[in-house]
C-alpha atoms as a PDB file:
ATOM      1  CA  MET A   1      19.088 -15.820 -21.719  1.00  0.00           C
ATOM      2  CA  LEU A   2      20.334 -17.719 -18.693  1.00  0.00           C
ATOM      3  CA  ILE A   3      16.934 -18.391 -17.522  1.00  0.00           C
ATOM      4  CA  PHE A   4      15.655 -19.924 -20.694  1.00  0.00           C
ATOM      5  CA  ASN A   5      18.760 -22.000 -20.592  1.00  0.00           C
ATOM      6  CA  PHE A   6      17.320 -23.780 -17.349  1.00  0.00           C
ATOM      7  CA  CYS A   7      14.237 -25.357 -19.273  1.00  0.00           C
ATOM      8  CA  ALA A   8      16.214 -25.687 -22.669  1.00  0.00           C
ATOM      9  CA  SER A   9      18.791 -27.980 -21.044  1.00  0.00           C
ATOM     10  CA  GLU A  10      16.211 -30.169 -19.409  1.00  0.00           C
ATOM     11  CA  ASN A  11      14.685 -30.959 -22.760  1.00  0.00           C
ATOM     12  CA  VAL A  12      17.761 -31.547 -25.015  1.00  0.00           C
ATOM     13  CA  GLY A  13      16.868 -33.906 -27.673  1.00  0.00           C
ATOM     14  CA  ARG A  14      13.169 -34.395 -26.818  1.00  0.00           C
ATOM     15  CA  LEU A  15      10.066 -32.811 -28.315  1.00  0.00           C
ATOM     16  CA  VAL A  16       8.800 -30.639 -25.801  1.00  0.00           C
ATOM     17  CA  THR A  17       4.855 -30.647 -25.352  1.00  0.00           C
ATOM     18  CA  PRO A  18       2.918 -27.781 -23.935  1.00  0.00           C
ATOM     19  CA  ALA A  19       2.249 -29.769 -20.737  1.00  0.00           C
ATOM     20  CA  LYS A  20       6.150 -30.318 -20.393  1.00  0.00           C
ATOM     21  CA  LYS A  21       6.789 -26.526 -21.207  1.00  0.00           C
ATOM     22  CA  LEU A  22       4.398 -25.414 -18.389  1.00  0.00           C
ATOM     23  CA  GLU A  23       5.658 -27.902 -15.796  1.00  0.00           C
ATOM     24  CA  ASP A  24       9.374 -26.369 -16.479  1.00  0.00           C
ATOM     25  CA  THR A  25       8.027 -22.960 -16.216  1.00  0.00           C
ATOM     26  CA  ILE A  26       6.162 -23.473 -12.830  1.00  0.00           C
ATOM     27  CA  ARG A  27       9.427 -25.080 -11.781  1.00  0.00           C
ATOM     28  CA  LEU A  28      11.397 -21.955 -12.866  1.00  0.00           C
ATOM     29  CA  SER A  29       8.625 -19.768 -11.230  1.00  0.00           C
ATOM     30  CA  GLU A  30       9.331 -21.563  -8.102  1.00  0.00           C
ATOM     31  CA  LEU A  31      13.339 -20.947  -8.323  1.00  0.00           C
ATOM     32  CA  VAL A  32      12.663 -17.474  -9.335  1.00  0.00           C
ATOM     33  CA  ILE A  33      10.667 -16.555  -6.303  1.00  0.00           C
ATOM     34  CA  GLU A  34      13.025 -18.497  -4.092  1.00  0.00           C
ATOM     35  CA  VAL A  35      15.903 -16.408  -5.300  1.00  0.00           C
ATOM     36  CA  LEU A  36      13.927 -13.062  -4.948  1.00  0.00           C
ATOM     37  CA  GLN A  37      12.705 -14.090  -1.335  1.00  0.00           C
ATOM     38  CA  GLN A  38      16.649 -14.952  -0.570  1.00  0.00           C
ATOM     39  CA  ASN A  39      17.672 -11.649  -1.679  1.00  0.00           C
ATOM     40  CA  GLU A  40      15.203  -9.802   0.302  1.00  0.00           C
ATOM     41  CA  GLU A  41      15.822 -11.942   3.228  1.00  0.00           C
ATOM     42  CA  HIS A  42      19.595 -11.933   3.166  1.00  0.00           C
ATOM     43  CA  HIS A  43      20.470  -8.847   1.624  1.00  0.00           C
ATOM     44  CA  ALA A  44      17.775  -6.104   2.498  1.00  0.00           C
ATOM     45  CA  GLU A  45      19.898  -4.857   5.691  1.00  0.00           C
ATOM     46  CA  ALA A  46      23.004  -4.792   3.654  1.00  0.00           C
ATOM     47  CA  PHE A  47      21.416  -3.004   0.733  1.00  0.00           C
ATOM     48  CA  ALA A  48      19.002  -0.880   3.099  1.00  0.00           C
ATOM     49  CA  TRP A  49      20.376   2.177   1.538  1.00  0.00           C
ATOM     50  CA  TRP A  50      19.957   1.068  -1.780  1.00  0.00           C
ATOM     51  CA  SER A  51      16.254  -0.068  -1.679  1.00  0.00           C
ATOM     52  CA  ASP A  52      15.499   1.399  -5.382  1.00  0.00           C
ATOM     53  CA  LEU A  53      18.666  -0.958  -6.652  1.00  0.00           C
ATOM     54  CA  MET A  54      17.098  -3.922  -4.886  1.00  0.00           C
ATOM     55  CA  VAL A  55      13.691  -3.175  -6.620  1.00  0.00           C
ATOM     56  CA  GLU A  56      14.984  -2.451 -10.074  1.00  0.00           C
ATOM     57  CA  HIS A  57      17.230  -5.858  -9.747  1.00  0.00           C
ATOM     58  CA  ALA A  58      13.676  -7.916  -8.748  1.00  0.00           C
ATOM     59  CA  GLU A  59      12.073  -6.124 -11.806  1.00  0.00           C
ATOM     60  CA  THR A  60      14.665  -7.024 -14.206  1.00  0.00           C
ATOM     61  CA  PHE A  61      14.924 -10.624 -12.908  1.00  0.00           C
ATOM     62  CA  LEU A  62      10.979 -10.949 -13.214  1.00  0.00           C
ATOM     63  CA  CYS A  63      11.499  -9.311 -16.843  1.00  0.00           C
ATOM     64  CA  PHE A  64      13.747 -12.081 -18.025  1.00  0.00           C
ATOM     65  CA  TYR A  65      11.482 -14.717 -16.342  1.00  0.00           C
ATOM     66  CA  SER A  66       8.240 -13.214 -17.888  1.00  0.00           C
ATOM     67  CA  ALA A  67       9.854 -14.013 -21.536  1.00  0.00           C
ATOM     68  CA  ASP A  68      10.070 -17.763 -20.723  1.00  0.00           C
ATOM     69  CA  MET A  69       6.736 -17.887 -19.168  1.00  0.00           C
ATOM     70  CA  ASP A  70       5.024 -15.897 -22.324  1.00  0.00           C
ATOM     71  CA  ALA A  71       6.660 -18.745 -24.338  1.00  0.00           C
ATOM     72  CA  ALA A  72       5.018 -21.619 -22.345  1.00  0.00           C
ATOM     73  CA  LEU A  73       1.843 -19.885 -22.470  1.00  0.00           C
ATOM     74  CA  GLU A  74       1.789 -19.144 -26.065  1.00  0.00           C
ATOM     75  CA  ILE A  75       1.528 -22.904 -26.700  1.00  0.00           C
ATOM     76  CA  GLN A  76      -0.853 -23.864 -24.111  1.00  0.00           C
ATOM     77  CA  PRO A  77      -4.394 -24.938 -25.395  1.00  0.00           C
ATOM     78  CA  PRO A  78      -6.829 -21.953 -25.332  1.00  0.00           C
ATOM     79  CA  ASP A  79      -9.526 -23.894 -23.290  1.00  0.00           C
ATOM     80  CA  SER A  80      -7.505 -25.329 -20.719  1.00  0.00           C
ATOM     81  CA  TRP A  81      -7.052 -24.400 -16.997  1.00  0.00           C
ATOM     82  CA  ASP A  82      -3.447 -26.124 -16.978  1.00  0.00           C
ATOM     83  CA  SER A  83      -1.888 -22.781 -16.419  1.00  0.00           C
ATOM     84  CA  PHE A  84      -3.817 -21.799 -13.496  1.00  0.00           C
ATOM     85  CA  PRO A  85      -1.154 -23.022 -10.753  1.00  0.00           C
ATOM     86  CA  LEU A  86       1.405 -20.994 -12.289  1.00  0.00           C
ATOM     87  CA  PHE A  87      -0.519 -17.985 -11.847  1.00  0.00           C
ATOM     88  CA  GLN A  88      -1.498 -18.974  -8.447  1.00  0.00           C
ATOM     89  CA  LEU A  89       1.906 -19.551  -7.573  1.00  0.00           C
ATOM     90  CA  LEU A  90       2.686 -16.085  -8.917  1.00  0.00           C
ATOM     91  CA  ASN A  91      -0.169 -14.356  -7.307  1.00  0.00           C
ATOM     92  CA  ASP A  92       0.470 -15.964  -3.838  1.00  0.00           C
ATOM     93  CA  PHE A  93       4.188 -14.286  -4.095  1.00  0.00           C
ATOM     94  CA  LEU A  94       3.446 -10.927  -5.293  1.00  0.00           C
ATOM     95  CA  ARG A  95       0.531 -10.756  -2.657  1.00  0.00           C
ATOM     96  CA  ALA A  96       2.905 -11.780   0.223  1.00  0.00           C
ATOM     97  CA  ASP A  97       5.885  -9.242  -1.328  1.00  0.00           C
ATOM     98  CA  CYS A  98       3.310  -6.307  -1.215  1.00  0.00           C
ATOM     99  CA  GLU A  99       2.729  -6.869   2.393  1.00  0.00           C
END
């Protein structure tokens, strides 16, 4: 998976702590959101006739990302609020995307 390789290449030869994995996932979230926003801004007019295709592309992109996010969340301590910024970032994006 290409997205997974982003986080993996950053941590070659190091033990990855849950905090580092979460930090990498938050950074990856920012990049995913940026790409989706750029797609919408720069390609929306060109692909106006294919809006279903743009929606499908965004869903596929987020699906690939979700595998990395799930892996990062699985290793977080269950009684921690450390993942809150990740959910806040995604919630803000999804709320703005619906408007």
